[in-house]
Amino acid sequence: MPEGTIKKLTDKGFGFIALSGNKDIFFHSSNLEGVEYEDLFEGQKVSFVEGRGPKGPRAEQVTPV
């Protein structure tokens, strides 16, 4: 599973994960596993499965490392 670092969290229940190569990937709180959105923090390492959303790539099955 790819890994990244949470770059930004919003108060609307979604955020972005920073990947290597200056790329980011979107994630939504509904795609979290084993953690509540409120327990995440910027700078936290996570793993995920890359999926496709209506606006492009998104992280699914997001779990803390």
C-alpha atoms as a PDB file:
ATOM      1  CA  MET A   1       0.000   0.000   0.000  1.00  0.00           C
ATOM      2  CA  PRO A   2       1.279   3.492  -0.787  1.00  0.00           C
ATOM      3  CA  GLU A   3       2.102   5.765   2.137  1.00  0.00           C
ATOM      4  CA  GLY A   4       2.032   9.505   2.576  1.00  0.00           C
ATOM      5  CA  THR A   5       1.748  12.278   5.137  1.00  0.00           C
ATOM      6  CA  ILE A   6      -1.407  14.219   5.911  1.00  0.00           C
ATOM      7  CA  LYS A   7      -0.761  17.668   4.483  1.00  0.00           C
ATOM      8  CA  LYS A   8      -4.052  19.426   5.178  1.00  0.00           C
ATOM      9  CA  LEU A   9      -7.257  18.707   7.086  1.00  0.00           C
ATOM     10  CA  THR A  10     -10.416  20.790   6.661  1.00  0.00           C
ATOM     11  CA  ASP A  11     -13.391  21.345   8.926  1.00  0.00           C
ATOM     12  CA  LYS A  12     -15.601  19.906   6.164  1.00  0.00           C
ATOM     13  CA  GLY A  13     -14.454  16.289   6.623  1.00  0.00           C
ATOM     14  CA  PHE A  14     -11.825  15.937   3.926  1.00  0.00           C
ATOM     15  CA  GLY A  15      -8.130  16.507   3.487  1.00  0.00           C
ATOM     16  CA  PHE A  16      -5.053  15.935   1.371  1.00  0.00           C
ATOM     17  CA  ILE A  17      -2.183  13.487   1.677  1.00  0.00           C
ATOM     18  CA  ALA A  18       1.273  14.585   0.493  1.00  0.00           C
ATOM     19  CA  LEU A  19       3.061  12.030  -1.667  1.00  0.00           C
ATOM     20  CA  SER A  20       6.637  11.945  -2.897  1.00  0.00           C
ATOM     21  CA  GLY A  21       7.354  14.128  -5.904  1.00  0.00           C
ATOM     22  CA  ASN A  22       5.319  17.152  -4.729  1.00  0.00           C
ATOM     23  CA  LYS A  23       1.996  15.423  -5.471  1.00  0.00           C
ATOM     24  CA  ASP A  24      -1.079  15.418  -3.235  1.00  0.00           C
ATOM     25  CA  ILE A  25      -4.075  13.113  -3.168  1.00  0.00           C
ATOM     26  CA  PHE A  26      -7.558  13.908  -1.859  1.00  0.00           C
ATOM     27  CA  PHE A  27      -9.280  11.832   0.832  1.00  0.00           C
ATOM     28  CA  HIS A  28     -12.713  12.006   2.461  1.00  0.00           C
ATOM     29  CA  SER A  29     -13.572  11.034   6.031  1.00  0.00           C
ATOM     30  CA  SER A  30     -15.829   8.263   4.673  1.00  0.00           C
ATOM     31  CA  ASN A  31     -12.684   6.530   3.349  1.00  0.00           C
ATOM     32  CA  LEU A  32     -11.020   6.147   6.771  1.00  0.00           C
ATOM     33  CA  GLU A  33     -10.483   2.750   8.388  1.00  0.00           C
ATOM     34  CA  GLY A  34      -9.630   2.172  12.035  1.00  0.00           C
ATOM     35  CA  VAL A  35      -9.560   5.873  12.957  1.00  0.00           C
ATOM     36  CA  GLU A  36     -11.985   8.752  13.372  1.00  0.00           C
ATOM     37  CA  TYR A  37     -11.457  11.931  11.332  1.00  0.00           C
ATOM     38  CA  GLU A  38     -11.215  13.987  14.533  1.00  0.00           C
ATOM     39  CA  ASP A  39      -8.234  11.853  15.677  1.00  0.00           C
ATOM     40  CA  LEU A  40      -6.099  12.644  12.602  1.00  0.00           C
ATOM     41  CA  PHE A  41      -3.496  15.405  12.592  1.00  0.00           C
ATOM     42  CA  GLU A  42      -1.427  17.179   9.954  1.00  0.00           C
ATOM     43  CA  GLY A  43       1.977  15.530   9.575  1.00  0.00           C
ATOM     44  CA  GLN A  44       0.631  12.058  10.450  1.00  0.00           C
ATOM     45  CA  LYS A  45       1.793   9.127   8.315  1.00  0.00           C
ATOM     46  CA  VAL A  46      -0.963   7.107   6.648  1.00  0.00           C
ATOM     47  CA  SER A  47      -1.279   4.280   4.147  1.00  0.00           C
ATOM     48  CA  PHE A  48      -4.033   4.039   1.544  1.00  0.00           C
ATOM     49  CA  VAL A  49      -5.285   2.450  -1.647  1.00  0.00           C
ATOM     50  CA  GLU A  50      -5.479   4.756  -4.648  1.00  0.00           C
ATOM     51  CA  GLY A  51      -8.949   4.919  -6.154  1.00  0.00           C
ATOM     52  CA  ARG A  52     -10.876   7.141  -8.540  1.00  0.00           C
ATOM     53  CA  GLY A  53     -13.451   9.708  -7.552  1.00  0.00           C
ATOM     54  CA  PRO A  54     -15.689  11.963  -9.653  1.00  0.00           C
ATOM     55  CA  LYS A  55     -12.945  14.624  -9.779  1.00  0.00           C
ATOM     56  CA  GLY A  56      -9.904  12.368 -10.196  1.00  0.00           C
ATOM     57  CA  PRO A  57      -7.652  10.237  -8.000  1.00  0.00           C
ATOM     58  CA  ARG A  58      -8.535   9.838  -4.329  1.00  0.00           C
ATOM     59  CA  ALA A  59      -7.205   7.895  -1.367  1.00  0.00           C
ATOM     60  CA  GLU A  60      -9.400   5.059  -0.090  1.00  0.00           C
ATOM     61  CA  GLN A  61      -8.996   2.708   2.890  1.00  0.00           C
ATOM     62  CA  VAL A  62      -6.893   5.378   4.651  1.00  0.00           C
ATOM     63  CA  THR A  63      -5.269   4.014   7.830  1.00  0.00           C
ATOM     64  CA  PRO A  64      -2.625   5.432  10.191  1.00  0.00           C
ATOM     65  CA  VAL A  65       0.811   3.833   9.917  1.00  0.00           C
END
